[in-house]
Structure formats: structure tokens, C-alpha cells
Amino acid sequence: MCSPEPINCFPVLVNILSNTFLRLFNSTARFRVWSQLFYTAENPELKHYIFFGLFTYLLILAAGLPPLFAMSSVEDYKVKS
């Protein structure tokens, strides 16, 4: 049930336990687990959007952090710490 990679064991175990509990309660629903972690289609346009989305997020983060440090220094200066 578990391949040599330990990352696959926990999802398989949860799947087995969940389906066992569902059978105990006479449910017809079942859980399915896939071992493929991410969608692996090579789509350059999708990679482009993801890259520029993350890049924009990092730029906004980088622009917002220095004033935070500066305000901390000003507060320290005001209270003469």
C-alpha cells in the first residue's frame, strides 16, 4: 500500500480509515486518493501568470516592509529606548 516514499503513506492511511468508517455507517460515499501531487501539464501561459502574480505580490510585500521597520525605529527614538 505504501511505496518507498513516506509522503504517500499518510494519505493512503487516511483514505483506508475514512472508507472504513464510511462502510461502518452504511454510507455509499467513498474517498479517493491520488498520488500525483500537482497538475503537471506544461502550459507556458499558466506559468507566466503564476510567475508574474507571485512577482507582483513580492514587490508589494517588499514595498510595505521597510516603512514598518522605519516606524519601529522612530517609536524607539521617541521613547528614548
PDB file of N, CA and C in Angstrom:
ATOM      1  N   MET A   1       0.814  -1.194   0.000  1.00  0.00           N
ATOM      2  CA  MET A   1       0.000   0.000   0.000  1.00  0.00           C
ATOM      3  C   MET A   1       0.856   1.255   0.000  1.00  0.00           C
ATOM      4  N   CYS A   2       1.959   1.242   0.724  1.00  0.00           N
ATOM      5  CA  CYS A   2       2.833   2.412   0.767  1.00  0.00           C
ATOM      6  C   CYS A   2       4.068   2.149  -0.076  1.00  0.00           C
ATOM      7  N   SER A   3       4.363   3.074  -0.937  1.00  0.00           N
ATOM      8  CA  SER A   3       5.576   2.955  -1.733  1.00  0.00           C
ATOM      9  C   SER A   3       6.764   3.321  -0.849  1.00  0.00           C
ATOM     10  N   PRO A   4       7.977   3.207  -1.364  1.00  0.00           N
ATOM     11  CA  PRO A   4       9.149   3.556  -0.537  1.00  0.00           C
ATOM     12  C   PRO A   4       9.170   5.023  -0.107  1.00  0.00           C
ATOM     13  N   GLU A   5       8.397   5.873  -0.768  1.00  0.00           N
ATOM     14  CA  GLU A   5       8.352   7.280  -0.381  1.00  0.00           C
ATOM     15  C   GLU A   5       7.366   7.451   0.775  1.00  0.00           C
ATOM     16  N   PRO A   6       7.807   7.962   1.909  1.00  0.00           N
ATOM     17  CA  PRO A   6       6.912   8.066   3.063  1.00  0.00           C
ATOM     18  C   PRO A   6       5.804   9.102   2.879  1.00  0.00           C
ATOM     19  N   ILE A   7       5.940   9.996   1.906  1.00  0.00           N
ATOM     20  CA  ILE A   7       4.916  11.019   1.711  1.00  0.00           C
ATOM     21  C   ILE A   7       3.599  10.399   1.239  1.00  0.00           C
ATOM     22  N   ASN A   8       3.646   9.219   0.663  1.00  0.00           N
ATOM     23  CA  ASN A   8       2.436   8.578   0.163  1.00  0.00           C
ATOM     24  C   ASN A   8       1.704   7.781   1.242  1.00  0.00           C
ATOM     25  N   CYS A   9       2.347   7.454   2.334  1.00  0.00           N
ATOM     26  CA  CYS A   9       1.745   6.579   3.332  1.00  0.00           C
ATOM     27  C   CYS A   9       0.593   7.242   4.086  1.00  0.00           C
ATOM     28  N   PHE A  10       0.745   8.491   4.499  1.00  0.00           N
ATOM     29  CA  PHE A  10      -0.303   9.141   5.284  1.00  0.00           C
ATOM     30  C   PHE A  10      -1.601   9.298   4.500  1.00  0.00           C
ATOM     31  N   PRO A  11      -1.577   9.795   3.253  1.00  0.00           N
ATOM     32  CA  PRO A  11      -2.845   9.879   2.515  1.00  0.00           C
ATOM     33  C   PRO A  11      -3.507   8.521   2.308  1.00  0.00           C
ATOM     34  N   VAL A  12      -2.718   7.494   2.079  1.00  0.00           N
ATOM     35  CA  VAL A  12      -3.287   6.155   1.901  1.00  0.00           C
ATOM     36  C   VAL A  12      -3.924   5.677   3.202  1.00  0.00           C
ATOM     37  N   LEU A  13      -3.261   5.914   4.314  1.00  0.00           N
ATOM     38  CA  LEU A  13      -3.806   5.520   5.608  1.00  0.00           C
ATOM     39  C   LEU A  13      -5.109   6.263   5.911  1.00  0.00           C
ATOM     40  N   VAL A  14      -5.138   7.567   5.651  1.00  0.00           N
ATOM     41  CA  VAL A  14      -6.355   8.345   5.878  1.00  0.00           C
ATOM     42  C   VAL A  14      -7.475   7.849   4.971  1.00  0.00           C
ATOM     43  N   ASN A  15      -7.145   7.511   3.743  1.00  0.00           N
ATOM     44  CA  ASN A  15      -8.142   7.002   2.801  1.00  0.00           C
ATOM     45  C   ASN A  15      -8.732   5.688   3.318  1.00  0.00           C
ATOM     46  N   ILE A  16      -7.882   4.789   3.777  1.00  0.00           N
ATOM     47  CA  ILE A  16      -8.358   3.493   4.274  1.00  0.00           C
ATOM     48  C   ILE A  16      -9.247   3.675   5.497  1.00  0.00           C
ATOM     49  N   LEU A  17      -8.801   4.523   6.434  1.00  0.00           N
ATOM     50  CA  LEU A  17      -9.597   4.743   7.644  1.00  0.00           C
ATOM     51  C   LEU A  17     -10.923   5.424   7.330  1.00  0.00           C
ATOM     52  N   SER A  18     -10.894   6.414   6.447  1.00  0.00           N
ATOM     53  CA  SER A  18     -12.129   7.129   6.101  1.00  0.00           C
ATOM     54  C   SER A  18     -13.133   6.202   5.437  1.00  0.00           C
ATOM     55  N   ASN A  19     -12.662   5.406   4.497  1.00  0.00           N
ATOM     56  CA  ASN A  19     -13.571   4.478   3.820  1.00  0.00           C
ATOM     57  C   ASN A  19     -14.084   3.396   4.771  1.00  0.00           C
ATOM     58  N   THR A  20     -13.258   2.995   5.736  1.00  0.00           N
ATOM     59  CA  THR A  20     -13.705   2.016   6.724  1.00  0.00           C
ATOM     60  C   THR A  20     -14.822   2.595   7.589  1.00  0.00           C
ATOM     61  N   PHE A  21     -14.637   3.836   8.043  1.00  0.00           N
ATOM     62  CA  PHE A  21     -15.689   4.478   8.847  1.00  0.00           C
ATOM     63  C   PHE A  21     -16.956   4.699   8.029  1.00  0.00           C
ATOM     64  N   LEU A  22     -16.802   5.038   6.767  1.00  0.00           N
ATOM     65  CA  LEU A  22     -17.992   5.215   5.926  1.00  0.00           C
ATOM     66  C   LEU A  22     -18.748   3.893   5.771  1.00  0.00           C
ATOM     67  N   ARG A  23     -18.007   2.793   5.608  1.00  0.00           N
ATOM     68  CA  ARG A  23     -18.675   1.489   5.495  1.00  0.00           C
ATOM     69  C   ARG A  23     -19.358   1.094   6.799  1.00  0.00           C
ATOM     70  N   LEU A  24     -18.737   1.445   7.939  1.00  0.00           N
ATOM     71  CA  LEU A  24     -19.346   1.126   9.231  1.00  0.00           C
ATOM     72  C   LEU A  24     -20.688   1.824   9.415  1.00  0.00           C
ATOM     73  N   PHE A  25     -20.817   3.019   8.863  1.00  0.00           N
ATOM     74  CA  PHE A  25     -22.054   3.785   8.983  1.00  0.00           C
ATOM     75  C   PHE A  25     -22.985   3.591   7.790  1.00  0.00           C
ATOM     76  N   ASN A  26     -22.744   2.543   7.003  1.00  0.00           N
ATOM     77  CA  ASN A  26     -23.580   2.162   5.861  1.00  0.00           C
ATOM     78  C   ASN A  26     -23.740   3.294   4.838  1.00  0.00           C
ATOM     79  N   SER A  27     -22.678   3.986   4.576  1.00  0.00           N
ATOM     80  CA  SER A  27     -22.710   5.067   3.585  1.00  0.00           C
ATOM     81  C   SER A  27     -22.273   4.520   2.232  1.00  0.00           C
ATOM     82  N   THR A  28     -22.794   5.111   1.175  1.00  0.00           N
ATOM     83  CA  THR A  28     -22.386   4.695  -0.179  1.00  0.00           C
ATOM     84  C   THR A  28     -21.276   5.576  -0.720  1.00  0.00           C
ATOM     85  N   ALA A  29     -20.947   6.646  -0.022  1.00  0.00           N
ATOM     86  CA  ALA A  29     -19.880   7.545  -0.484  1.00  0.00           C
ATOM     87  C   ALA A  29     -18.521   6.908  -0.228  1.00  0.00           C
ATOM     88  N   ARG A  30     -17.555   7.250  -1.051  1.00  0.00           N
ATOM     89  CA  ARG A  30     -16.184   6.756  -0.894  1.00  0.00           C
ATOM     90  C   ARG A  30     -15.204   7.890  -1.168  1.00  0.00           C
ATOM     91  N   PHE A  31     -14.046   7.824  -0.519  1.00  0.00           N
ATOM     92  CA  PHE A  31     -12.957   8.753  -0.770  1.00  0.00           C
ATOM     93  C   PHE A  31     -11.976   8.134  -1.751  1.00  0.00           C
ATOM     94  N   ARG A  32     -11.390   8.979  -2.589  1.00  0.00           N
ATOM     95  CA  ARG A  32     -10.339   8.528  -3.490  1.00  0.00           C
ATOM     96  C   ARG A  32      -9.107   9.384  -3.263  1.00  0.00           C
ATOM     97  N   VAL A  33      -7.928   8.766  -3.331  1.00  0.00           N
ATOM     98  CA  VAL A  33      -6.672   9.469  -3.124  1.00  0.00           C
ATOM     99  C   VAL A  33      -5.804   9.288  -4.359  1.00  0.00           C
ATOM    100  N   TRP A  34      -5.200  10.396  -4.800  1.00  0.00           N
ATOM    101  CA  TRP A  34      -4.258  10.350  -5.916  1.00  0.00           C
ATOM    102  C   TRP A  34      -2.865  10.604  -5.382  1.00  0.00           C
ATOM    103  N   SER A  35      -1.898   9.958  -5.963  1.00  0.00           N
ATOM    104  CA  SER A  35      -0.524  10.161  -5.513  1.00  0.00           C
ATOM    105  C   SER A  35       0.182  11.258  -6.297  1.00  0.00           C
ATOM    106  N   GLN A  36      -0.435  11.776  -7.336  1.00  0.00           N
ATOM    107  CA  GLN A  36       0.164  12.859  -8.095  1.00  0.00           C
ATOM    108  C   GLN A  36      -0.102  14.156  -7.347  1.00  0.00           C
ATOM    109  N   LEU A  37       0.969  14.852  -6.940  1.00  0.00           N
ATOM    110  CA  LEU A  37       0.815  15.991  -6.063  1.00  0.00           C
ATOM    111  C   LEU A  37       0.241  17.224  -6.763  1.00  0.00           C
ATOM    112  N   PHE A  38       0.715  17.512  -7.948  1.00  0.00           N
ATOM    113  CA  PHE A  38       0.291  18.711  -8.636  1.00  0.00           C
ATOM    114  C   PHE A  38      -0.092  18.384 -10.068  1.00  0.00           C
ATOM    115  N   TYR A  39      -0.859  19.293 -10.653  1.00  0.00           N
ATOM    116  CA  TYR A  39      -1.212  19.151 -12.057  1.00  0.00           C
ATOM    117  C   TYR A  39       0.032  19.438 -12.872  1.00  0.00           C
ATOM    118  N   THR A  40       0.470  18.505 -13.695  1.00  0.00           N
ATOM    119  CA  THR A  40       1.778  18.622 -14.336  1.00  0.00           C
ATOM    120  C   THR A  40       1.724  19.000 -15.803  1.00  0.00           C
ATOM    121  N   ALA A  41       0.618  19.530 -16.281  1.00  0.00           N
ATOM    122  CA  ALA A  41       0.549  19.924 -17.684  1.00  0.00           C
ATOM    123  C   ALA A  41       1.493  21.095 -17.928  1.00  0.00           C
ATOM    124  N   GLU A  42       2.241  21.014 -18.987  1.00  0.00           N
ATOM    125  CA  GLU A  42       3.168  22.087 -19.337  1.00  0.00           C
ATOM    126  C   GLU A  42       2.422  23.153 -20.108  1.00  0.00           C
ATOM    127  N   ASN A  43       2.050  24.203 -19.424  1.00  0.00           N
ATOM    128  CA  ASN A  43       1.347  25.308 -20.041  1.00  0.00           C
ATOM    129  C   ASN A  43       2.157  26.572 -19.781  1.00  0.00           C
ATOM    130  N   PRO A  44       2.885  27.083 -20.791  1.00  0.00           N
ATOM    131  CA  PRO A  44       3.736  28.248 -20.549  1.00  0.00           C
ATOM    132  C   PRO A  44       2.939  29.493 -20.170  1.00  0.00           C
ATOM    133  N   GLU A  45       1.712  29.611 -20.669  1.00  0.00           N
ATOM    134  CA  GLU A  45       0.913  30.787 -20.330  1.00  0.00           C
ATOM    135  C   GLU A  45       0.538  30.762 -18.843  1.00  0.00           C
ATOM    136  N   LEU A  46       0.213  29.580 -18.329  1.00  0.00           N
ATOM    137  CA  LEU A  46      -0.109  29.451 -16.910  1.00  0.00           C
ATOM    138  C   LEU A  46       1.111  29.770 -16.056  1.00  0.00           C
ATOM    139  N   LYS A  47       2.280  29.280 -16.459  1.00  0.00           N
ATOM    140  CA  LYS A  47       3.500  29.580 -15.730  1.00  0.00           C
ATOM    141  C   LYS A  47       3.785  31.076 -15.753  1.00  0.00           C
ATOM    142  N   HIS A  48       3.490  31.717 -16.857  1.00  0.00           N
ATOM    143  CA  HIS A  48       3.681  33.161 -16.993  1.00  0.00           C
ATOM    144  C   HIS A  48       2.810  33.905 -15.990  1.00  0.00           C
ATOM    145  N   TYR A  49       1.535  33.535 -15.902  1.00  0.00           N
ATOM    146  CA  TYR A  49       0.625  34.193 -14.964  1.00  0.00           C
ATOM    147  C   TYR A  49       1.032  33.946 -13.518  1.00  0.00           C
ATOM    148  N   ILE A  50       1.427  32.728 -13.217  1.00  0.00           N
ATOM    149  CA  ILE A  50       1.841  32.412 -11.850  1.00  0.00           C
ATOM    150  C   ILE A  50       3.094  33.192 -11.483  1.00  0.00           C
ATOM    151  N   PHE A  51       4.065  33.226 -12.393  1.00  0.00           N
ATOM    152  CA  PHE A  51       5.310  33.944 -12.118  1.00  0.00           C
ATOM    153  C   PHE A  51       5.044  35.420 -11.856  1.00  0.00           C
ATOM    154  N   PHE A  52       4.288  36.070 -12.744  1.00  0.00           N
ATOM    155  CA  PHE A  52       4.065  37.493 -12.576  1.00  0.00           C
ATOM    156  C   PHE A  52       3.122  37.797 -11.406  1.00  0.00           C
ATOM    157  N   GLY A  53       2.232  36.893 -11.079  1.00  0.00           N
ATOM    158  CA  GLY A  53       1.400  37.074  -9.897  1.00  0.00           C
ATOM    159  C   GLY A  53       2.238  37.043  -8.635  1.00  0.00           C
ATOM    160  N   LEU A  54       3.119  36.049  -8.524  1.00  0.00           N
ATOM    161  CA  LEU A  54       3.990  35.962  -7.356  1.00  0.00           C
ATOM    162  C   LEU A  54       4.988  37.109  -7.312  1.00  0.00           C
ATOM    163  N   PHE A  55       5.491  37.510  -8.483  1.00  0.00           N
ATOM    164  CA  PHE A  55       6.431  38.624  -8.561  1.00  0.00           C
ATOM    165  C   PHE A  55       5.768  39.916  -8.081  1.00  0.00           C
ATOM    166  N   THR A  56       4.526  40.149  -8.499  1.00  0.00           N
ATOM    167  CA  THR A  56       3.787  41.338  -8.062  1.00  0.00           C
ATOM    168  C   THR A  56       3.554  41.300  -6.562  1.00  0.00           C
ATOM    169  N   TYR A  57       3.198  40.148  -6.046  1.00  0.00           N
ATOM    170  CA  TYR A  57       2.981  40.000  -4.602  1.00  0.00           C
ATOM    171  C   TYR A  57       4.263  40.320  -3.834  1.00  0.00           C
ATOM    172  N   LEU A  58       5.402  39.817  -4.306  1.00  0.00           N
ATOM    173  CA  LEU A  58       6.664  40.079  -3.626  1.00  0.00           C
ATOM    174  C   LEU A  58       7.048  41.549  -3.700  1.00  0.00           C
ATOM    175  N   LEU A  59       6.754  42.206  -4.820  1.00  0.00           N
ATOM    176  CA  LEU A  59       7.048  43.638  -4.924  1.00  0.00           C
ATOM    177  C   LEU A  59       6.219  44.437  -3.929  1.00  0.00           C
ATOM    178  N   ILE A  60       4.951  44.096  -3.795  1.00  0.00           N
ATOM    179  CA  ILE A  60       4.095  44.795  -2.832  1.00  0.00           C
ATOM    180  C   ILE A  60       4.590  44.539  -1.414  1.00  0.00           C
ATOM    181  N   LEU A  61       4.973  43.307  -1.140  1.00  0.00           N
ATOM    182  CA  LEU A  61       5.498  42.969   0.176  1.00  0.00           C
ATOM    183  C   LEU A  61       6.798  43.723   0.445  1.00  0.00           C
ATOM    184  N   ALA A  62       7.679  43.771  -0.549  1.00  0.00           N
ATOM    185  CA  ALA A  62       8.952  44.462  -0.384  1.00  0.00           C
ATOM    186  C   ALA A  62       8.749  45.959  -0.211  1.00  0.00           C
ATOM    187  N   ALA A  63       7.720  46.526  -0.827  1.00  0.00           N
ATOM    188  CA  ALA A  63       7.462  47.954  -0.685  1.00  0.00           C
ATOM    189  C   ALA A  63       6.831  48.276   0.670  1.00  0.00           C
ATOM    190  N   GLY A  64       6.161  47.323   1.285  1.00  0.00           N
ATOM    191  CA  GLY A  64       5.469  47.587   2.543  1.00  0.00           C
ATOM    192  C   GLY A  64       6.287  47.330   3.787  1.00  0.00           C
ATOM    193  N   LEU A  65       7.342  46.537   3.695  1.00  0.00           N
ATOM    194  CA  LEU A  65       8.101  46.200   4.892  1.00  0.00           C
ATOM    195  C   LEU A  65       9.061  47.288   5.377  1.00  0.00           C
ATOM    196  N   PRO A  66       9.813  47.970   4.532  1.00  0.00           N
ATOM    197  CA  PRO A  66      10.746  48.985   5.048  1.00  0.00           C
ATOM    198  C   PRO A  66      10.081  50.089   5.877  1.00  0.00           C
ATOM    199  N   PRO A  67       8.919  50.618   5.484  1.00  0.00           N
ATOM    200  CA  PRO A  67       8.292  51.613   6.366  1.00  0.00           C
ATOM    201  C   PRO A  67       7.938  51.050   7.737  1.00  0.00           C
ATOM    202  N   LEU A  68       7.651  49.775   7.793  1.00  0.00           N
ATOM    203  CA  LEU A  68       7.339  49.148   9.074  1.00  0.00           C
ATOM    204  C   LEU A  68       8.555  49.189   9.998  1.00  0.00           C
ATOM    205  N   PHE A  69       9.736  48.881   9.447  1.00  0.00           N
ATOM    206  CA  PHE A  69      10.953  48.941  10.242  1.00  0.00           C
ATOM    207  C   PHE A  69      11.290  50.378  10.622  1.00  0.00           C
ATOM    208  N   ALA A  70      11.066  51.305   9.695  1.00  0.00           N
ATOM    209  CA  ALA A  70      11.366  52.709   9.976  1.00  0.00           C
ATOM    210  C   ALA A  70      10.471  53.235  11.101  1.00  0.00           C
ATOM    211  N   MET A  71       9.201  52.883  11.084  1.00  0.00           N
ATOM    212  CA  MET A  71       8.295  53.343  12.133  1.00  0.00           C
ATOM    213  C   MET A  71       8.696  52.764  13.489  1.00  0.00           C
ATOM    214  N   SER A  72       9.193  51.559  13.497  1.00  0.00           N
ATOM    215  CA  SER A  72       9.646  50.953  14.739  1.00  0.00           C
ATOM    216  C   SER A  72      10.828  51.737  15.299  1.00  0.00           C
ATOM    217  N   SER A  73      11.743  52.163  14.427  1.00  0.00           N
ATOM    218  CA  SER A  73      12.896  52.934  14.876  1.00  0.00           C
ATOM    219  C   SER A  73      12.474  54.301  15.398  1.00  0.00           C
ATOM    220  N   VAL A  74      11.504  54.929  14.741  1.00  0.00           N
ATOM    221  CA  VAL A  74      11.027  56.234  15.180  1.00  0.00           C
ATOM    222  C   VAL A  74      10.375  56.116  16.559  1.00  0.00           C
ATOM    223  N   GLU A  75       9.588  55.065  16.765  1.00  0.00           N
ATOM    224  CA  GLU A  75       8.968  54.854  18.072  1.00  0.00           C
ATOM    225  C   GLU A  75      10.026  54.638  19.151  1.00  0.00           C
ATOM    226  N   ASP A  76      11.072  53.895  18.816  1.00  0.00           N
ATOM    227  CA  ASP A  76      12.157  53.689  19.782  1.00  0.00           C
ATOM    228  C   ASP A  76      12.847  55.015  20.112  1.00  0.00           C
ATOM    229  N   TYR A  77      13.011  55.861  19.110  1.00  0.00           N
ATOM    230  CA  TYR A  77      13.636  57.150  19.317  1.00  0.00           C
ATOM    231  C   TYR A  77      12.766  58.060  20.192  1.00  0.00           C
ATOM    232  N   LYS A  78      11.451  58.001  19.996  1.00  0.00           N
ATOM    233  CA  LYS A  78      10.538  58.849  20.756  1.00  0.00           C
ATOM    234  C   LYS A  78      10.554  58.498  22.245  1.00  0.00           C
ATOM    235  N   VAL A  79      10.596  57.205  22.545  1.00  0.00           N
ATOM    236  CA  VAL A  79      10.578  56.802  23.949  1.00  0.00           C
ATOM    237  C   VAL A  79      11.985  56.716  24.533  1.00  0.00           C
ATOM    238  N   LYS A  80      12.977  57.068  23.739  1.00  0.00           N
ATOM    239  CA  LYS A  80      14.383  57.099  24.150  1.00  0.00           C
ATOM    240  C   LYS A  80      14.856  55.768  24.719  1.00  0.00           C
ATOM    241  N   SER A  81      14.534  54.705  23.987  1.00  0.00           N
ATOM    242  CA  SER A  81      14.959  53.381  24.435  1.00  0.00           C
ATOM    243  C   SER A  81      16.325  53.037  23.891  1.00  0.00           C
TER     244      SER A  81
END
